[in-house]
């Protein structure tokens, strides 16, 4: 067995809809592995199958060298799962929620572990507060503590930062970084492409397929392009002009335009187009492409190939 998780040709249908179209991947022990892509791409379906909550229509999933469909109980005792909607009980306190999940996992001597998790998630001052009275960020941390009470070896997180404020998102990632130091394997689904940068490796999902799987840096290098960022005004006019004149991938971010280019000669041509439209360029720079740049480029390529 090469990885702690091995997926081979995994398929899942919902009626006529193909949610997963034969995906294959391997996750190594101790990795922070990201499933990245838009809603409906297949990320949640893949995680639910890995957790034994859904059966596949084809292919295999092995965790700890065990087939999840054949040895479900043995696998589920060694994993933790944080779903999109935090499974908390609003009428129970922070302490009581953790106690409840400890009992579900047959953890009897849980008090020391509970205190460690409350310290770890910085929830100790709120241990007697009802879950329904917690903020979104606190609920997120409590749900994480509940999923860790039985000391899982693999932790599955299904879009845990969706709808959470930026400060809580940053705190959550600090907690995850500490988990990785404890050699826990984390598989996280997220629609936020910027979060992919924090993962050791990522699988980019689109329409039930994996369109790229590697380290973020390798994925960015794979398209052989650079990103030209231009600060200009009027920026909307500049965007419309370039979109009508060139074939490059263009994205608009506030007061700046981001364009994928292959060489510096393209920069000169783009600046000439802007000059012809009386667009004032305040600044420009060439950087490596972002994960978002790459994702959009790969989708465009696949549409062209088909």
Protein backbone atom coordinates (compact mmCIF):
# COMPACT_ATOMS: atom_id res chain seq x y z
CA UNK A 1 0.00 0.00 0.00
CA UNK A 2 1.51 3.33 -1.10
CA UNK A 3 -0.93 5.67 0.65
CA UNK A 4 -3.11 5.70 3.74
CA UNK A 5 -5.98 6.33 1.27
CA UNK A 6 -6.14 4.66 -2.16
CA UNK A 7 -8.94 5.47 -4.61
CA UNK A 8 -9.17 3.64 -7.92
CA UNK A 9 -11.63 4.43 -10.74
CA UNK A 10 -14.30 5.62 -8.30
CA UNK A 11 -17.74 6.23 -9.78
CA UNK A 12 -21.02 7.45 -8.31
CA UNK A 13 -24.29 8.31 -10.03
CA UNK A 14 -27.42 10.05 -8.79
CA UNK A 15 -29.93 8.82 -11.35
CA UNK A 16 -28.64 10.06 -14.71
CA UNK A 17 -26.23 12.51 -13.09
CA UNK A 18 -22.60 11.34 -12.94
CA UNK A 19 -21.27 12.83 -9.69
CA UNK A 20 -17.93 11.00 -9.96
CA UNK A 21 -16.59 9.82 -13.30
CA UNK A 22 -13.86 7.33 -12.49
CA UNK A 23 -11.51 9.30 -10.24
CA UNK A 24 -8.25 7.82 -8.91
CA UNK A 25 -5.85 9.25 -6.32
CA UNK A 26 -3.60 8.35 -3.40
CA UNK A 27 -3.17 10.24 -0.10
CA UNK A 28 -0.04 9.76 2.00
CA UNK A 29 -0.01 9.54 5.79
CA UNK A 30 0.42 12.97 7.43
CA UNK A 31 -0.63 14.95 4.36
CA UNK A 32 -2.89 17.97 4.21
CA UNK A 33 -4.72 17.01 1.02
CA UNK A 34 -7.18 19.39 -0.60
CA UNK A 35 -10.22 18.65 -2.78
CA UNK A 36 -10.71 21.93 -4.62
CA UNK A 37 -13.45 22.94 -7.00
CA UNK A 38 -16.87 24.59 -7.39
CA UNK A 39 -20.16 23.37 -5.90
CA UNK A 40 -21.40 20.24 -7.63
CA UNK A 41 -17.92 19.17 -8.75
CA UNK A 42 -18.00 15.89 -6.79
CA UNK A 43 -15.92 16.79 -3.71
CA UNK A 44 -18.58 16.05 -1.08
CA UNK A 45 -19.63 12.81 -2.80
CA UNK A 46 -16.03 11.58 -2.76
CA UNK A 47 -15.61 12.40 0.94
CA UNK A 48 -18.91 10.77 1.91
CA UNK A 49 -17.89 7.58 0.10
CA UNK A 50 -14.50 7.60 1.86
CA UNK A 51 -16.28 7.92 5.19
CA UNK A 52 -18.55 4.98 4.41
CA UNK A 53 -21.68 7.15 4.27
CA UNK A 54 -22.34 6.45 0.57
CA UNK A 55 -21.74 3.39 -1.56
CA UNK A 56 -19.98 3.83 -4.90
CA UNK A 57 -21.43 2.59 -8.21
CA UNK A 58 -17.99 1.43 -9.27
CA UNK A 59 -14.32 1.44 -8.32
CA UNK A 60 -12.67 0.93 -4.94
CA UNK A 61 -11.74 3.00 -1.88
CA UNK A 62 -9.21 1.62 0.59
CA UNK A 63 -8.27 3.28 3.90
CA UNK A 64 -5.55 1.68 6.06
CA UNK A 65 -5.46 -1.01 3.33
CA UNK A 66 -9.10 -1.90 4.10
CA UNK A 67 -11.98 -1.70 1.62
CA UNK A 68 -14.44 0.84 3.07
CA UNK A 69 -17.47 -1.02 1.64
CA UNK A 70 -16.42 -4.35 3.18
CA UNK A 71 -14.84 -3.27 6.48
CA UNK A 72 -16.82 -0.12 7.23
CA UNK A 73 -16.87 -0.35 11.04
CA UNK A 74 -13.14 -1.04 11.33
CA UNK A 75 -12.38 2.00 9.16
CA UNK A 76 -14.92 4.38 10.72
CA UNK A 77 -13.45 3.83 14.20
CA UNK A 78 -10.18 5.32 12.93
CA UNK A 79 -11.49 8.39 11.08
CA UNK A 80 -13.12 11.71 11.95
CA UNK A 81 -15.64 13.59 9.81
CA UNK A 82 -16.69 17.24 9.89
CA UNK A 83 -19.62 17.76 7.53
CA UNK A 84 -20.72 20.92 5.72
CA UNK A 85 -23.43 21.49 8.33
CA UNK A 86 -21.84 21.16 11.75
CA UNK A 87 -23.57 18.29 13.58
CA UNK A 88 -24.02 20.03 16.91
CA UNK A 89 -26.86 19.99 19.43
CA UNK A 90 -27.91 23.56 20.17
CA UNK A 91 -29.54 22.74 23.49
CA UNK A 92 -26.34 21.12 24.82
CA UNK A 93 -23.33 23.01 26.16
CA UNK A 94 -19.86 22.87 24.61
CA UNK A 95 -18.82 20.27 27.19
CA UNK A 96 -21.97 18.21 26.69
CA UNK A 97 -21.59 18.15 22.91
CA UNK A 98 -18.06 16.78 23.18
CA UNK A 99 -19.22 14.26 25.81
CA UNK A 100 -22.02 13.11 23.50
CA UNK A 101 -19.63 12.46 20.60
CA UNK A 102 -17.22 10.69 22.95
CA UNK A 103 -20.00 8.29 23.91
CA UNK A 104 -20.89 7.68 20.25
CA UNK A 105 -17.31 6.58 19.65
CA UNK A 106 -17.22 4.51 22.85
CA UNK A 107 -14.61 6.76 24.45
CA UNK A 108 -15.17 6.37 28.20
CA UNK A 109 -12.14 8.13 29.66
CA UNK A 110 -12.60 11.34 27.67
CA UNK A 111 -12.27 14.17 30.24
CA UNK A 112 -8.53 14.75 29.84
CA UNK A 113 -8.86 14.62 26.06
CA UNK A 114 -11.83 17.01 26.19
CA UNK A 115 -9.83 19.55 28.20
CA UNK A 116 -6.94 19.24 25.74
CA UNK A 117 -9.26 19.91 22.83
CA UNK A 118 -10.91 22.88 24.55
CA UNK A 119 -7.47 24.35 25.16
CA UNK A 120 -6.42 23.52 21.60
CA UNK A 121 -9.46 25.23 20.07
CA UNK A 122 -9.46 28.08 22.61
CA UNK A 123 -13.01 27.20 23.71
CA UNK A 124 -12.24 26.60 27.39
CA UNK A 125 -13.80 29.91 28.58
CA UNK A 126 -17.03 28.93 26.77
CA UNK A 127 -17.35 25.30 27.90
CA UNK A 128 -20.66 25.92 29.71
CA UNK A 129 -22.25 27.93 26.89
CA UNK A 130 -25.04 26.37 24.82
CA UNK A 131 -23.94 25.51 21.28
CA UNK A 132 -26.79 27.58 19.80
CA UNK A 133 -25.35 30.65 21.53
CA UNK A 134 -21.93 30.31 19.88
CA UNK A 135 -20.72 32.36 16.92
CA UNK A 136 -20.16 30.67 13.55
CA UNK A 137 -16.43 30.44 14.15
CA UNK A 138 -16.91 28.94 17.60
CA UNK A 139 -19.39 26.37 16.28
CA UNK A 140 -16.81 25.41 13.68
CA UNK A 141 -14.16 24.86 16.37
CA UNK A 142 -16.57 22.91 18.58
CA UNK A 143 -17.51 20.65 15.66
CA UNK A 144 -13.81 20.06 15.05
CA UNK A 145 -13.25 19.19 18.73
CA UNK A 146 -16.17 16.71 18.57
CA UNK A 147 -14.65 15.04 15.48
CA UNK A 148 -11.27 14.69 17.24
CA UNK A 149 -12.42 13.32 20.61
CA UNK A 150 -11.65 9.71 19.62
CA UNK A 151 -8.17 10.55 18.24
CA UNK A 152 -8.78 9.73 14.56
CA UNK A 153 -5.87 8.95 12.26
CA UNK A 154 -7.59 10.56 9.27
CA UNK A 155 -9.76 13.67 9.51
CA UNK A 156 -12.21 14.48 6.70
CA UNK A 157 -13.38 18.09 6.49
CA UNK A 158 -16.17 18.97 4.06
CA UNK A 159 -16.04 22.71 3.35
CA UNK A 160 -15.59 23.63 7.04
CA UNK A 161 -14.75 27.29 6.35
CA UNK A 162 -17.76 28.06 4.14
CA UNK A 163 -19.79 30.91 5.64
CA UNK A 164 -17.22 31.55 8.38
CA UNK A 165 -15.74 35.03 8.85
CA UNK A 166 -12.13 35.68 7.64
CA UNK A 167 -10.66 35.86 11.16
CA UNK A 168 -12.21 32.52 12.13
CA UNK A 169 -10.99 31.00 8.86
CA UNK A 170 -7.43 32.08 9.70
CA UNK A 171 -7.68 30.69 13.25
CA UNK A 172 -9.06 27.41 11.89
CA UNK A 173 -6.10 27.01 9.54
CA UNK A 174 -3.69 27.57 12.44
CA UNK A 175 -5.42 24.74 14.30
CA UNK A 176 -5.17 22.47 11.24
CA UNK A 177 -1.45 23.23 10.93
CA UNK A 178 -0.98 22.02 14.52
CA UNK A 179 -2.93 18.85 13.72
CA UNK A 180 -0.56 18.05 10.86
CA UNK A 181 2.34 18.31 13.30
CA UNK A 182 0.69 15.46 15.24
CA UNK A 183 0.87 13.34 12.03
CA UNK A 184 -2.89 13.29 11.50
CA UNK A 185 -3.84 12.97 7.83
CA UNK A 186 -6.30 15.70 6.79
CA UNK A 187 -8.46 15.57 3.66
CA UNK A 188 -10.33 18.82 3.17
CA UNK A 189 -12.89 19.84 0.54
CA UNK A 190 -13.11 23.55 -0.18
CA UNK A 191 -14.57 25.84 -2.86
CA UNK A 192 -11.94 28.48 -1.95
CA UNK A 193 -9.05 28.20 -4.38
CA UNK A 194 -6.79 30.31 -2.14
CA UNK A 195 -7.02 27.58 0.54
CA UNK A 196 -5.42 25.15 -1.91
CA UNK A 197 -2.14 27.00 -1.41
CA UNK A 198 -2.07 25.76 2.20
CA UNK A 199 -2.29 22.07 1.22
CA UNK A 200 0.65 19.77 0.58
CA UNK A 201 -1.18 18.44 -2.48
CA UNK A 202 -4.51 19.19 -4.14
CA UNK A 203 -6.92 17.45 -6.47
CA UNK A 204 -8.83 19.88 -8.67
CA UNK A 205 -12.39 18.68 -9.25
CA UNK A 206 -14.65 19.72 -12.11
CA UNK A 207 -17.83 17.95 -13.28
CA UNK A 208 -17.02 14.76 -11.39
CA UNK A 209 -13.48 14.50 -12.74
CA UNK A 210 -10.02 15.34 -11.40
CA UNK A 211 -8.42 17.75 -13.86
CA UNK A 212 -5.13 18.12 -11.93
CA UNK A 213 -3.54 16.45 -8.90
CA UNK A 214 -0.17 17.57 -7.53
CA UNK A 215 1.45 20.13 -5.24
CA UNK A 216 0.11 23.68 -5.71
CA UNK A 217 3.49 24.84 -7.07
CA UNK A 218 3.72 22.00 -9.59
CA UNK A 219 0.15 22.62 -10.77
CA UNK A 220 0.92 26.30 -11.30
CA UNK A 221 4.08 25.47 -13.27
CA UNK A 222 2.31 22.82 -15.34
CA UNK A 223 0.53 25.28 -17.65
CA UNK A 224 3.81 27.03 -18.61
CA UNK A 225 2.33 30.51 -18.28
CA UNK A 226 2.78 33.71 -16.27
CA UNK A 227 0.29 36.16 -14.84
CA UNK A 228 0.31 39.79 -15.98
CA UNK A 229 -1.34 42.10 -13.46
CA UNK A 230 -2.28 45.57 -14.67
CA UNK A 231 -3.62 48.41 -12.52
CA UNK A 232 -5.47 50.82 -14.79
CA UNK A 233 -8.49 53.06 -15.22
CA UNK A 234 -11.21 53.00 -16.31
CA UNK A 235 -10.74 49.36 -15.47
CA UNK A 236 -14.09 48.06 -16.79
CA UNK A 237 -13.48 49.68 -20.16
CA UNK A 238 -9.99 48.17 -20.21
CA UNK A 239 -11.37 44.71 -19.42
CA UNK A 240 -14.02 44.90 -22.16
CA UNK A 241 -11.45 46.14 -24.69
CA UNK A 242 -8.97 43.36 -23.96
CA UNK A 243 -11.69 40.69 -23.90
CA UNK A 244 -12.68 41.71 -27.43
CA UNK A 245 -9.10 41.89 -28.76
CA UNK A 246 -7.17 38.95 -27.26
CA UNK A 247 -7.80 35.26 -26.58
CA UNK A 248 -5.96 35.08 -23.23
CA UNK A 249 -7.68 34.19 -19.95
CA UNK A 250 -8.64 37.52 -18.32
CA UNK A 251 -10.00 38.15 -14.85
CA UNK A 252 -11.09 41.39 -13.23
CA UNK A 253 -10.22 42.01 -9.55
CA UNK A 254 -11.25 45.44 -8.24
CA UNK A 255 -8.99 48.05 -9.86
CA UNK A 256 -6.76 45.53 -11.60
CA UNK A 257 -6.85 43.06 -14.46
CA UNK A 258 -5.15 39.68 -14.36
CA UNK A 259 -4.12 38.11 -17.71
CA UNK A 260 -2.38 34.80 -18.40
CA UNK A 261 0.53 35.24 -20.85
CA UNK A 262 3.23 32.96 -22.28
CA UNK A 263 6.01 35.55 -22.76
CA UNK A 264 6.90 39.21 -22.29
CA UNK A 265 6.18 39.96 -25.95
CA UNK A 266 2.50 39.48 -25.18
CA UNK A 267 2.80 42.18 -22.50
CA UNK A 268 3.89 44.73 -25.12
CA UNK A 269 0.93 43.86 -27.33
CA UNK A 270 -1.53 44.15 -24.43
CA UNK A 271 -0.15 47.55 -23.41
CA UNK A 272 -0.48 48.79 -27.00
CA UNK A 273 -4.15 47.77 -27.05
CA UNK A 274 -4.78 49.66 -23.79
CA UNK A 275 -2.95 52.71 -25.13
CA UNK A 276 -5.10 52.68 -28.28
CA UNK A 277 -8.18 52.80 -26.05
CA UNK A 278 -6.85 55.73 -24.00
CA UNK A 279 -6.58 53.55 -20.90
CA UNK A 280 -4.30 54.94 -18.18
CA UNK A 281 -1.95 52.24 -16.85
CA UNK A 282 -0.75 53.04 -13.32
CA UNK A 283 1.23 49.85 -12.68
CA UNK A 284 2.02 46.43 -14.12
CA UNK A 285 3.88 43.34 -12.95
CA UNK A 286 4.46 39.76 -14.03
CA UNK A 287 4.09 37.01 -11.40
CA UNK A 288 3.48 33.27 -11.25
CA UNK A 289 -0.16 32.34 -11.96
CA UNK A 290 -2.54 31.85 -9.06
CA UNK A 291 -4.33 28.58 -8.43
CA UNK A 292 -7.49 30.29 -9.69
CA UNK A 293 -5.71 31.27 -12.93
CA UNK A 294 -4.63 27.68 -13.44
CA UNK A 295 -8.05 26.21 -12.63
CA UNK A 296 -9.82 28.42 -15.15
CA UNK A 297 -7.15 27.72 -17.77
CA UNK A 298 -7.41 23.94 -17.31
CA UNK A 299 -11.20 24.04 -17.65
CA UNK A 300 -10.87 26.11 -20.82
CA UNK A 301 -8.33 23.65 -22.24
CA UNK A 302 -10.61 20.66 -21.58
CA UNK A 303 -13.53 22.38 -23.31
CA UNK A 304 -11.28 23.10 -26.30
CA UNK A 305 -9.96 19.52 -26.42
CA UNK A 306 -13.52 18.19 -26.52
